[in-house]
């Protein structure tokens, strides 16, 4: 993160962050996983335009405040974020999120959740697009890859 923009936009909230889109079907049907400005790691899904939080965990220290402390993620320091997704024949989807806080190649799995469709009445299975979302930040990415494992 090179810079963070303290916009007065009502869209600048705790849900902003560095997020990967996974199984992206369209703007209303997708998973995302990443780290938020309030220091939480998150995995969510969006079904028919409604977001469902699958799991979260605080991983960066500090107390978030929209005005006085609007970003707990490190600035001007490389951090690693990666996700793994596994789709199962029963339609369930396993999503894991890993973070390397200081680019030391010491990846830590910070979240894992298996979506069985109990939230939102369905999973997002099958192929989809992948992408990156950042909010109100100037960022640089290095070694962004998508591969089948």
N, C-alpha and C. Protein backbone atom coordinates (compact mmCIF):
# COMPACT_ATOMS: atom_id res chain seq x y z
N UNK A 1 0.86 -1.17 0.00
CA UNK A 1 0.00 0.00 0.00
C UNK A 1 0.90 1.22 0.00
N UNK A 2 0.82 1.98 -1.07
CA UNK A 2 1.63 3.18 -1.18
C UNK A 2 0.96 4.39 -0.52
N UNK A 3 -0.37 4.45 -0.64
CA UNK A 3 -1.08 5.59 -0.07
C UNK A 3 -2.53 5.18 0.18
N UNK A 4 -3.16 5.86 1.12
CA UNK A 4 -4.57 5.65 1.44
C UNK A 4 -5.28 6.98 1.33
N UNK A 5 -6.42 7.01 0.66
CA UNK A 5 -7.13 8.26 0.40
C UNK A 5 -8.31 8.42 1.35
N UNK A 6 -8.24 9.44 2.17
CA UNK A 6 -9.27 9.70 3.18
C UNK A 6 -10.45 10.44 2.56
N UNK A 7 -11.10 9.80 1.64
CA UNK A 7 -12.25 10.37 0.97
C UNK A 7 -13.41 10.53 1.95
N UNK A 8 -14.25 11.51 1.71
CA UNK A 8 -15.45 11.68 2.54
C UNK A 8 -16.59 10.79 2.04
N UNK A 9 -16.33 9.99 1.03
CA UNK A 9 -17.35 9.10 0.47
C UNK A 9 -17.94 8.19 1.54
N UNK A 10 -19.25 7.99 1.53
CA UNK A 10 -19.85 7.04 2.47
C UNK A 10 -19.45 5.59 2.17
N UNK A 11 -18.83 5.36 1.03
CA UNK A 11 -18.37 4.01 0.66
C UNK A 11 -17.02 3.67 1.30
N UNK A 12 -16.35 4.65 1.92
CA UNK A 12 -15.09 4.37 2.63
C UNK A 12 -15.47 3.88 4.03
N UNK A 13 -15.40 2.55 4.21
CA UNK A 13 -15.84 1.92 5.46
C UNK A 13 -14.85 0.83 5.86
N UNK A 14 -15.17 0.14 6.95
CA UNK A 14 -14.32 -0.96 7.43
C UNK A 14 -14.25 -2.11 6.44
N UNK A 15 -15.20 -2.20 5.52
CA UNK A 15 -15.20 -3.30 4.55
C UNK A 15 -14.20 -3.09 3.42
N UNK A 16 -13.56 -1.93 3.36
CA UNK A 16 -12.56 -1.67 2.33
C UNK A 16 -11.29 -2.45 2.63
N UNK A 17 -10.52 -2.76 1.60
CA UNK A 17 -9.28 -3.48 1.82
C UNK A 17 -8.63 -3.96 0.55
N UNK A 18 -7.78 -4.97 0.70
CA UNK A 18 -7.12 -5.67 -0.40
C UNK A 18 -7.81 -7.02 -0.51
N UNK A 19 -8.59 -7.20 -1.56
CA UNK A 19 -9.48 -8.35 -1.63
C UNK A 19 -9.35 -9.07 -2.98
N UNK A 20 -9.38 -10.39 -2.93
CA UNK A 20 -9.37 -11.21 -4.14
C UNK A 20 -10.79 -11.66 -4.45
N UNK A 21 -11.21 -11.46 -5.69
CA UNK A 21 -12.47 -12.05 -6.17
C UNK A 21 -12.19 -13.49 -6.57
N UNK A 22 -13.09 -14.38 -6.19
CA UNK A 22 -12.95 -15.81 -6.46
C UNK A 22 -14.29 -16.32 -6.99
N UNK A 23 -14.26 -17.18 -8.00
CA UNK A 23 -15.49 -17.73 -8.59
C UNK A 23 -16.44 -16.61 -8.99
N UNK A 24 -15.88 -15.53 -9.49
CA UNK A 24 -16.67 -14.35 -9.87
C UNK A 24 -17.53 -14.70 -11.08
N UNK A 25 -18.84 -14.71 -10.88
CA UNK A 25 -19.78 -14.96 -11.99
C UNK A 25 -20.23 -13.64 -12.60
N UNK A 26 -20.60 -12.69 -11.72
CA UNK A 26 -20.98 -11.34 -12.12
C UNK A 26 -20.93 -10.48 -10.86
N UNK A 27 -21.28 -9.21 -10.97
CA UNK A 27 -21.17 -8.30 -9.83
C UNK A 27 -22.04 -8.66 -8.64
N UNK A 28 -22.99 -9.56 -8.83
CA UNK A 28 -23.89 -9.96 -7.74
C UNK A 28 -23.66 -11.36 -7.22
N UNK A 29 -22.71 -12.10 -7.80
CA UNK A 29 -22.49 -13.50 -7.41
C UNK A 29 -21.00 -13.80 -7.46
N UNK A 30 -20.38 -13.89 -6.27
CA UNK A 30 -18.93 -14.06 -6.17
C UNK A 30 -18.54 -14.38 -4.74
N UNK A 31 -17.31 -14.86 -4.58
CA UNK A 31 -16.65 -14.93 -3.27
C UNK A 31 -15.57 -13.86 -3.26
N UNK A 32 -15.22 -13.38 -2.06
CA UNK A 32 -14.00 -12.62 -1.95
C UNK A 32 -13.31 -12.94 -0.64
N UNK A 33 -11.97 -12.84 -0.68
CA UNK A 33 -11.13 -13.12 0.48
C UNK A 33 -10.00 -12.11 0.50
N UNK A 34 -9.65 -11.63 1.69
CA UNK A 34 -8.56 -10.69 1.78
C UNK A 34 -8.44 -10.07 3.15
N UNK A 35 -7.78 -8.91 3.18
CA UNK A 35 -7.56 -8.19 4.43
C UNK A 35 -8.21 -6.81 4.33
N UNK A 36 -8.87 -6.41 5.42
CA UNK A 36 -9.60 -5.15 5.45
C UNK A 36 -8.82 -4.08 6.19
N UNK A 37 -9.20 -2.82 5.98
CA UNK A 37 -8.51 -1.70 6.62
C UNK A 37 -8.64 -1.71 8.14
N UNK A 38 -9.63 -2.42 8.68
CA UNK A 38 -9.79 -2.48 10.14
C UNK A 38 -8.94 -3.59 10.77
N UNK A 39 -8.07 -4.23 9.96
CA UNK A 39 -7.16 -5.24 10.49
C UNK A 39 -7.70 -6.65 10.46
N UNK A 40 -8.88 -6.86 9.93
CA UNK A 40 -9.48 -8.19 9.88
C UNK A 40 -9.21 -8.86 8.54
N UNK A 41 -8.96 -10.16 8.61
CA UNK A 41 -9.01 -11.01 7.42
C UNK A 41 -10.48 -11.41 7.27
N UNK A 42 -10.92 -11.60 6.02
CA UNK A 42 -12.33 -11.87 5.78
C UNK A 42 -12.50 -12.80 4.59
N UNK A 43 -13.51 -13.66 4.68
CA UNK A 43 -13.99 -14.41 3.52
C UNK A 43 -15.50 -14.21 3.49
N UNK A 44 -15.99 -13.70 2.35
CA UNK A 44 -17.41 -13.43 2.18
C UNK A 44 -17.88 -14.01 0.85
N UNK A 45 -19.20 -14.10 0.73
CA UNK A 45 -19.77 -14.39 -0.58
C UNK A 45 -20.92 -13.43 -0.81
N UNK A 46 -21.20 -13.22 -2.08
CA UNK A 46 -22.30 -12.37 -2.49
C UNK A 46 -23.19 -13.21 -3.40
N UNK A 47 -24.43 -13.40 -2.98
CA UNK A 47 -25.41 -14.18 -3.75
C UNK A 47 -26.57 -13.26 -4.10
N UNK A 48 -26.84 -13.13 -5.39
CA UNK A 48 -27.94 -12.29 -5.87
C UNK A 48 -27.91 -10.89 -5.23
N UNK A 49 -26.69 -10.35 -5.07
CA UNK A 49 -26.54 -8.99 -4.57
C UNK A 49 -26.47 -8.84 -3.06
N UNK A 50 -26.64 -9.92 -2.31
CA UNK A 50 -26.60 -9.87 -0.85
C UNK A 50 -25.30 -10.51 -0.36
N UNK A 51 -24.58 -9.77 0.52
CA UNK A 51 -23.33 -10.28 1.09
C UNK A 51 -23.61 -11.16 2.30
N UNK A 52 -22.81 -12.23 2.42
CA UNK A 52 -22.84 -13.13 3.57
C UNK A 52 -21.41 -13.29 4.07
N UNK A 53 -21.18 -12.98 5.34
CA UNK A 53 -19.85 -13.18 5.92
C UNK A 53 -19.71 -14.64 6.29
N UNK A 54 -18.69 -15.29 5.73
CA UNK A 54 -18.45 -16.69 6.02
C UNK A 54 -17.52 -16.85 7.22
N UNK A 55 -16.50 -15.97 7.33
CA UNK A 55 -15.62 -15.99 8.49
C UNK A 55 -14.74 -14.74 8.49
N UNK A 56 -14.34 -14.30 9.69
CA UNK A 56 -13.41 -13.18 9.85
C UNK A 56 -12.49 -13.46 11.03
N UNK A 57 -11.37 -12.75 11.05
CA UNK A 57 -10.42 -12.87 12.17
C UNK A 57 -9.53 -11.64 12.19
N UNK A 58 -9.34 -11.05 13.35
CA UNK A 58 -8.45 -9.90 13.50
C UNK A 58 -7.00 -10.38 13.38
N UNK A 59 -6.23 -9.79 12.44
CA UNK A 59 -4.84 -10.23 12.25
C UNK A 59 -3.83 -9.08 12.33
N UNK A 60 -4.30 -7.83 12.25
CA UNK A 60 -3.41 -6.68 12.40
C UNK A 60 -3.84 -5.89 13.63
N UNK A 61 -2.86 -5.50 14.44
CA UNK A 61 -3.12 -4.82 15.70
C UNK A 61 -3.64 -3.40 15.48
N UNK A 62 -4.30 -2.89 16.51
CA UNK A 62 -4.75 -1.51 16.51
C UNK A 62 -6.26 -1.41 16.60
N UNK A 63 -6.70 -0.19 16.82
CA UNK A 63 -8.13 0.11 16.93
C UNK A 63 -8.52 0.98 15.74
N UNK A 64 -9.39 0.46 14.89
CA UNK A 64 -9.83 1.19 13.71
C UNK A 64 -10.73 2.36 14.10
N UNK A 65 -10.51 3.50 13.45
CA UNK A 65 -11.40 4.65 13.56
C UNK A 65 -11.42 5.31 12.19
N UNK A 66 -12.59 5.54 11.64
CA UNK A 66 -12.72 6.06 10.27
C UNK A 66 -11.95 7.35 10.06
N UNK A 67 -11.87 8.20 11.08
CA UNK A 67 -11.18 9.49 10.96
C UNK A 67 -9.76 9.44 11.51
N UNK A 68 -9.60 8.99 12.76
CA UNK A 68 -8.31 9.08 13.45
C UNK A 68 -7.34 7.93 13.16
N UNK A 69 -7.84 6.76 12.80
CA UNK A 69 -6.97 5.62 12.52
C UNK A 69 -7.63 4.77 11.42
N UNK A 70 -7.67 5.29 10.19
CA UNK A 70 -8.51 4.70 9.15
C UNK A 70 -7.92 3.49 8.43
N UNK A 71 -6.68 3.11 8.74
CA UNK A 71 -6.12 1.93 8.08
C UNK A 71 -5.10 1.27 9.01
N UNK A 72 -5.35 0.01 9.33
CA UNK A 72 -4.45 -0.74 10.20
C UNK A 72 -3.49 -1.62 9.40
N UNK A 73 -3.67 -1.67 8.10
CA UNK A 73 -2.76 -2.43 7.24
C UNK A 73 -1.46 -1.64 7.09
N UNK A 74 -0.33 -2.34 6.98
CA UNK A 74 0.95 -1.63 6.86
C UNK A 74 1.07 -0.87 5.54
N UNK A 75 1.57 0.36 5.63
CA UNK A 75 1.84 1.15 4.43
C UNK A 75 3.32 1.06 4.10
N UNK A 76 3.61 1.13 2.79
CA UNK A 76 4.98 1.13 2.29
C UNK A 76 5.78 -0.06 2.80
N UNK A 77 5.13 -1.21 2.86
CA UNK A 77 5.76 -2.46 3.28
C UNK A 77 5.08 -3.59 2.51
N UNK A 78 5.87 -4.45 1.91
CA UNK A 78 5.29 -5.58 1.19
C UNK A 78 4.64 -6.55 2.16
N UNK A 79 3.44 -6.96 1.84
CA UNK A 79 2.79 -8.06 2.55
C UNK A 79 2.31 -9.05 1.49
N UNK A 80 2.24 -10.30 1.86
CA UNK A 80 1.75 -11.32 0.95
C UNK A 80 0.35 -11.75 1.34
N UNK A 81 -0.49 -11.90 0.34
CA UNK A 81 -1.85 -12.40 0.54
C UNK A 81 -2.12 -13.40 -0.57
N UNK A 82 -2.62 -14.58 -0.20
CA UNK A 82 -2.99 -15.56 -1.23
C UNK A 82 -4.20 -16.35 -0.76
N UNK A 83 -4.92 -16.87 -1.73
CA UNK A 83 -6.08 -17.69 -1.42
C UNK A 83 -6.00 -18.99 -2.21
N UNK A 84 -6.64 -20.01 -1.67
CA UNK A 84 -6.80 -21.29 -2.35
C UNK A 84 -8.28 -21.65 -2.30
N UNK A 85 -8.76 -22.16 -3.40
CA UNK A 85 -10.17 -22.54 -3.48
C UNK A 85 -10.27 -23.97 -4.01
N UNK A 86 -11.08 -24.77 -3.35
CA UNK A 86 -11.32 -26.15 -3.79
C UNK A 86 -12.82 -26.35 -3.93
N UNK A 87 -13.24 -26.80 -5.10
CA UNK A 87 -14.66 -27.11 -5.33
C UNK A 87 -14.84 -28.62 -5.25
N UNK A 88 -15.89 -29.04 -4.56
CA UNK A 88 -16.17 -30.45 -4.35
C UNK A 88 -17.37 -30.90 -5.18
N UNK A 89 -17.45 -32.19 -5.43
CA UNK A 89 -18.52 -32.74 -6.28
C UNK A 89 -19.91 -32.53 -5.68
N UNK A 90 -20.01 -32.34 -4.36
CA UNK A 90 -21.31 -32.09 -3.73
C UNK A 90 -21.74 -30.62 -3.85
N UNK A 91 -20.92 -29.79 -4.52
CA UNK A 91 -21.23 -28.38 -4.71
C UNK A 91 -20.63 -27.46 -3.66
N UNK A 92 -20.08 -28.03 -2.59
CA UNK A 92 -19.47 -27.19 -1.56
C UNK A 92 -18.14 -26.63 -2.06
N UNK A 93 -17.71 -25.53 -1.43
CA UNK A 93 -16.49 -24.84 -1.84
C UNK A 93 -15.68 -24.52 -0.59
N UNK A 94 -14.41 -24.94 -0.59
CA UNK A 94 -13.48 -24.65 0.49
C UNK A 94 -12.61 -23.47 0.07
N UNK A 95 -12.55 -22.44 0.92
CA UNK A 95 -11.73 -21.26 0.65
C UNK A 95 -10.77 -21.07 1.81
N UNK A 96 -9.48 -20.93 1.48
CA UNK A 96 -8.45 -20.68 2.49
C UNK A 96 -7.78 -19.35 2.16
N UNK A 97 -7.42 -18.61 3.21
CA UNK A 97 -6.70 -17.34 3.04
C UNK A 97 -5.41 -17.41 3.83
N UNK A 98 -4.30 -17.06 3.17
CA UNK A 98 -2.97 -17.07 3.78
C UNK A 98 -2.40 -15.66 3.74
N UNK A 99 -1.61 -15.32 4.77
CA UNK A 99 -0.97 -14.00 4.83
C UNK A 99 0.49 -14.19 5.23
N UNK A 100 1.36 -13.44 4.56
CA UNK A 100 2.79 -13.34 4.90
C UNK A 100 3.01 -11.87 5.23
N UNK A 101 2.98 -11.52 6.51
CA UNK A 101 2.95 -10.12 6.93
C UNK A 101 4.20 -9.32 6.58
N UNK A 102 5.34 -9.99 6.40
CA UNK A 102 6.57 -9.23 6.16
C UNK A 102 7.37 -9.74 4.96
N UNK A 103 6.70 -10.44 4.07
CA UNK A 103 7.31 -10.99 2.85
C UNK A 103 8.55 -11.83 3.16
N UNK A 104 8.42 -12.65 4.19
CA UNK A 104 9.51 -13.52 4.61
C UNK A 104 9.32 -14.95 4.11
N UNK A 105 8.29 -15.17 3.31
CA UNK A 105 7.90 -16.51 2.83
C UNK A 105 7.40 -17.40 3.95
N UNK A 106 6.99 -16.80 5.05
CA UNK A 106 6.38 -17.53 6.16
C UNK A 106 4.86 -17.34 6.08
N UNK A 107 4.24 -18.12 5.21
CA UNK A 107 2.80 -18.01 4.99
C UNK A 107 2.05 -18.64 6.16
N UNK A 108 1.05 -17.94 6.65
CA UNK A 108 0.21 -18.42 7.73
C UNK A 108 -1.23 -18.48 7.22
N UNK A 109 -1.85 -19.65 7.37
CA UNK A 109 -3.27 -19.74 7.01
C UNK A 109 -4.05 -19.04 8.12
N UNK A 110 -4.68 -17.92 7.78
CA UNK A 110 -5.39 -17.14 8.79
C UNK A 110 -6.88 -17.46 8.81
N UNK A 111 -7.41 -17.95 7.69
CA UNK A 111 -8.83 -18.31 7.63
C UNK A 111 -9.02 -19.51 6.71
N UNK A 112 -10.03 -20.30 7.03
CA UNK A 112 -10.48 -21.37 6.14
C UNK A 112 -11.95 -21.60 6.43
N UNK A 113 -12.73 -21.77 5.38
CA UNK A 113 -14.15 -22.03 5.55
C UNK A 113 -14.63 -22.89 4.39
N UNK A 114 -15.50 -23.84 4.71
CA UNK A 114 -16.14 -24.65 3.67
C UNK A 114 -17.58 -24.18 3.55
N UNK A 115 -17.90 -23.62 2.40
CA UNK A 115 -19.24 -23.12 2.15
C UNK A 115 -20.11 -24.27 1.64
N UNK A 116 -21.13 -24.60 2.41
CA UNK A 116 -22.05 -25.67 2.02
C UNK A 116 -23.39 -25.13 1.55
N UNK A 117 -23.48 -23.81 1.44
CA UNK A 117 -24.71 -23.19 0.97
C UNK A 117 -25.69 -22.83 2.07
N UNK A 118 -25.35 -23.10 3.33
CA UNK A 118 -26.28 -22.81 4.42
C UNK A 118 -26.51 -21.31 4.60
N UNK A 119 -25.56 -20.49 4.21
CA UNK A 119 -25.75 -19.04 4.19
C UNK A 119 -26.02 -18.63 2.75
N UNK A 120 -27.15 -18.02 2.50
CA UNK A 120 -27.49 -17.58 1.16
C UNK A 120 -28.14 -18.63 0.29
N UNK A 121 -28.40 -19.81 0.85
CA UNK A 121 -29.12 -20.89 0.17
C UNK A 121 -28.43 -21.48 -1.05
N UNK A 122 -27.16 -21.14 -1.29
CA UNK A 122 -26.42 -21.78 -2.38
C UNK A 122 -24.94 -21.46 -2.26
N UNK A 123 -24.15 -22.23 -2.98
CA UNK A 123 -22.73 -21.94 -3.11
C UNK A 123 -22.50 -21.33 -4.48
N UNK A 124 -21.28 -20.92 -4.73
CA UNK A 124 -20.90 -20.43 -6.05
C UNK A 124 -19.87 -21.42 -6.57
N UNK A 125 -20.35 -22.41 -7.28
CA UNK A 125 -19.47 -23.48 -7.72
C UNK A 125 -19.17 -23.33 -9.21
N UNK A 126 -18.26 -24.15 -9.67
CA UNK A 126 -17.88 -24.11 -11.08
C UNK A 126 -16.91 -22.99 -11.36
N UNK A 127 -16.54 -22.92 -12.62
CA UNK A 127 -15.56 -21.91 -13.02
C UNK A 127 -16.14 -20.51 -12.94
N UNK A 128 -15.26 -19.57 -12.73
CA UNK A 128 -15.62 -18.16 -12.71
C UNK A 128 -14.37 -17.34 -12.91
N UNK A 129 -14.53 -16.05 -12.94
CA UNK A 129 -13.40 -15.16 -13.08
C UNK A 129 -12.72 -14.94 -11.74
N UNK A 130 -11.51 -14.40 -11.78
CA UNK A 130 -10.78 -14.01 -10.58
C UNK A 130 -10.32 -12.57 -10.77
N UNK A 131 -10.09 -11.88 -9.67
CA UNK A 131 -9.63 -10.51 -9.79
C UNK A 131 -9.22 -9.94 -8.45
N UNK A 132 -8.91 -8.66 -8.46
CA UNK A 132 -8.44 -7.95 -7.27
C UNK A 132 -9.30 -6.71 -7.09
N UNK A 133 -9.64 -6.43 -5.83
CA UNK A 133 -10.35 -5.19 -5.49
C UNK A 133 -9.55 -4.47 -4.42
N UNK A 134 -9.31 -3.21 -4.63
CA UNK A 134 -8.73 -2.36 -3.59
C UNK A 134 -9.62 -1.13 -3.48
N UNK A 135 -9.71 -0.58 -2.30
CA UNK A 135 -10.60 0.54 -2.07
C UNK A 135 -9.84 1.72 -1.49
N UNK A 136 -9.91 2.87 -2.15
CA UNK A 136 -9.35 4.12 -1.64
C UNK A 136 -7.85 4.01 -1.35
N UNK A 137 -7.14 3.18 -2.12
CA UNK A 137 -5.71 2.97 -1.91
C UNK A 137 -4.96 3.00 -3.23
N UNK A 138 -3.72 3.47 -3.17
CA UNK A 138 -2.77 3.26 -4.26
C UNK A 138 -1.92 2.08 -3.82
N UNK A 139 -1.90 1.02 -4.62
CA UNK A 139 -1.20 -0.20 -4.23
C UNK A 139 -0.34 -0.69 -5.39
N UNK A 140 0.64 -1.51 -5.05
CA UNK A 140 1.45 -2.21 -6.04
C UNK A 140 1.32 -3.70 -5.78
N UNK A 141 1.28 -4.47 -6.87
CA UNK A 141 1.23 -5.92 -6.75
C UNK A 141 2.45 -6.51 -7.43
N UNK A 142 2.96 -7.58 -6.85
CA UNK A 142 4.11 -8.29 -7.38
C UNK A 142 3.78 -9.77 -7.32
N UNK A 143 4.08 -10.48 -8.36
CA UNK A 143 3.90 -11.93 -8.40
C UNK A 143 2.45 -12.37 -8.29
N UNK A 144 1.52 -11.61 -8.87
CA UNK A 144 0.13 -12.03 -8.90
C UNK A 144 -0.01 -13.18 -9.88
N UNK A 145 -0.55 -14.31 -9.40
CA UNK A 145 -0.68 -15.50 -10.23
C UNK A 145 -2.03 -16.15 -9.97
N UNK A 146 -2.54 -16.78 -11.00
CA UNK A 146 -3.70 -17.65 -10.87
C UNK A 146 -3.30 -18.97 -11.49
N UNK A 147 -3.39 -20.04 -10.70
CA UNK A 147 -3.00 -21.34 -11.25
C UNK A 147 -3.85 -22.44 -10.66
N UNK A 148 -4.00 -23.49 -11.44
CA UNK A 148 -4.72 -24.66 -10.97
C UNK A 148 -3.74 -25.55 -10.22
N UNK A 149 -4.14 -25.99 -9.02
CA UNK A 149 -3.26 -26.86 -8.24
C UNK A 149 -3.92 -28.19 -7.95
